[in-house]
Amino acid sequence: MKLNENEMLEIKGGAFGLKTAFLIGLGGLITLIVGIVDGYLNPNKCN
């Protein structure tokens, strides 16, 4: 079975939208801030 052009355009793939990209960026920023605060409040020397 072959798909026509309109049917191919309606296929949803693995791409994500702007909302998902924003949430991923926000999660990364929160992780960075928590890591900086943790490193400041609990400094450990490298072995």
N, C-alpha and C. Protein backbone atom coordinates (compact mmCIF):
# COMPACT_ATOMS: atom_id res chain seq x y z
N MET A 1 0.85 -1.19 0.00
CA MET A 1 0.00 0.00 0.00
C MET A 1 0.89 1.25 0.00
N LYS A 2 0.61 2.15 -0.88
CA LYS A 2 1.38 3.38 -0.95
C LYS A 2 0.55 4.53 -0.38
N LEU A 3 1.23 5.43 0.30
CA LEU A 3 0.56 6.61 0.86
C LEU A 3 0.64 7.76 -0.13
N ASN A 4 -0.42 8.55 -0.18
CA ASN A 4 -0.33 9.75 -1.01
C ASN A 4 0.29 10.88 -0.20
N GLU A 5 0.50 12.02 -0.83
CA GLU A 5 1.21 13.13 -0.17
C GLU A 5 0.47 13.64 1.06
N ASN A 6 -0.84 13.74 1.01
CA ASN A 6 -1.61 14.23 2.17
C ASN A 6 -1.52 13.28 3.35
N GLU A 7 -1.54 11.99 3.07
CA GLU A 7 -1.43 11.01 4.15
C GLU A 7 -0.04 11.05 4.78
N MET A 8 0.99 11.27 3.98
CA MET A 8 2.35 11.34 4.52
C MET A 8 2.54 12.57 5.40
N LEU A 9 1.88 13.67 5.05
CA LEU A 9 2.02 14.89 5.85
C LEU A 9 1.34 14.76 7.21
N GLU A 10 0.39 13.85 7.35
CA GLU A 10 -0.33 13.70 8.62
C GLU A 10 0.33 12.70 9.56
N ILE A 11 1.43 12.09 9.16
CA ILE A 11 2.12 11.13 10.02
C ILE A 11 2.87 11.89 11.10
N LYS A 12 2.63 11.52 12.34
CA LYS A 12 3.31 12.14 13.48
C LYS A 12 4.52 11.29 13.83
N GLY A 13 5.69 11.94 13.92
CA GLY A 13 6.92 11.20 14.20
C GLY A 13 7.46 11.47 15.58
N GLY A 14 8.76 11.35 15.74
CA GLY A 14 9.40 11.49 17.04
C GLY A 14 9.78 12.90 17.41
N ALA A 15 9.42 13.87 16.60
CA ALA A 15 9.76 15.26 16.90
C ALA A 15 8.94 15.75 18.09
N PHE A 16 9.47 16.76 18.77
CA PHE A 16 8.72 17.34 19.88
C PHE A 16 8.51 18.82 19.64
N GLY A 17 7.52 19.37 20.29
CA GLY A 17 7.14 20.75 20.06
C GLY A 17 7.84 21.73 20.98
N LEU A 18 7.41 22.96 20.89
CA LEU A 18 8.01 24.04 21.66
C LEU A 18 7.79 23.85 23.15
N LYS A 19 6.63 23.35 23.54
CA LYS A 19 6.35 23.13 24.96
C LYS A 19 7.31 22.11 25.57
N THR A 20 7.55 21.03 24.85
CA THR A 20 8.46 20.00 25.34
C THR A 20 9.89 20.52 25.41
N ALA A 21 10.30 21.29 24.40
CA ALA A 21 11.65 21.85 24.40
C ALA A 21 11.82 22.81 25.58
N PHE A 22 10.80 23.60 25.87
CA PHE A 22 10.85 24.52 27.02
C PHE A 22 10.97 23.75 28.33
N LEU A 23 10.21 22.68 28.47
CA LEU A 23 10.26 21.90 29.71
C LEU A 23 11.61 21.20 29.88
N ILE A 24 12.20 20.74 28.79
CA ILE A 24 13.53 20.12 28.86
C ILE A 24 14.56 21.16 29.27
N GLY A 25 14.49 22.35 28.69
CA GLY A 25 15.41 23.43 29.05
C GLY A 25 15.24 23.86 30.49
N LEU A 26 14.01 23.95 30.94
CA LEU A 26 13.74 24.33 32.33
C LEU A 26 14.28 23.27 33.29
N GLY A 27 14.11 22.01 32.95
CA GLY A 27 14.65 20.93 33.79
C GLY A 27 16.16 20.98 33.85
N GLY A 28 16.81 21.28 32.73
CA GLY A 28 18.27 21.41 32.73
C GLY A 28 18.74 22.57 33.57
N LEU A 29 18.03 23.70 33.49
CA LEU A 29 18.38 24.88 34.28
C LEU A 29 18.21 24.60 35.78
N ILE A 30 17.14 23.95 36.15
CA ILE A 30 16.92 23.61 37.56
C ILE A 30 18.02 22.67 38.05
N THR A 31 18.39 21.69 37.23
CA THR A 31 19.46 20.76 37.60
C THR A 31 20.79 21.49 37.80
N LEU A 32 21.08 22.44 36.92
CA LEU A 32 22.31 23.23 37.04
C LEU A 32 22.32 24.04 38.33
N ILE A 33 21.22 24.70 38.63
CA ILE A 33 21.14 25.53 39.85
C ILE A 33 21.28 24.66 41.09
N VAL A 34 20.62 23.51 41.12
CA VAL A 34 20.72 22.62 42.28
C VAL A 34 22.15 22.12 42.44
N GLY A 35 22.84 21.82 41.34
CA GLY A 35 24.23 21.37 41.41
C GLY A 35 25.15 22.46 41.94
N ILE A 36 24.93 23.69 41.51
CA ILE A 36 25.76 24.80 42.00
C ILE A 36 25.53 25.03 43.49
N VAL A 37 24.28 25.03 43.93
CA VAL A 37 23.97 25.24 45.34
C VAL A 37 24.53 24.09 46.18
N ASP A 38 24.39 22.86 45.70
CA ASP A 38 24.91 21.71 46.42
C ASP A 38 26.43 21.78 46.53
N GLY A 39 27.10 22.18 45.46
CA GLY A 39 28.56 22.31 45.51
C GLY A 39 29.03 23.42 46.43
N TYR A 40 28.25 24.47 46.53
CA TYR A 40 28.61 25.58 47.41
C TYR A 40 28.39 25.22 48.88
N LEU A 41 27.28 24.55 49.16
CA LEU A 41 26.94 24.23 50.57
C LEU A 41 27.66 22.97 51.07
N ASN A 42 28.11 22.10 50.18
CA ASN A 42 28.75 20.86 50.59
C ASN A 42 30.01 20.63 49.76
N PRO A 43 31.02 21.46 49.96
CA PRO A 43 32.23 21.32 49.12
C PRO A 43 33.05 20.09 49.54
N ASN A 44 33.42 19.29 48.56
CA ASN A 44 34.27 18.11 48.78
C ASN A 44 35.50 18.26 47.90
N LYS A 45 36.67 17.93 48.47
CA LYS A 45 37.89 17.99 47.69
C LYS A 45 37.99 16.77 46.81
N CYS A 46 38.63 16.94 45.66
CA CYS A 46 38.84 15.80 44.75
C CYS A 46 39.91 14.89 45.35
N ASN A 47 39.76 13.62 45.14
CA ASN A 47 40.73 12.64 45.65
C ASN A 47 41.86 12.49 44.68
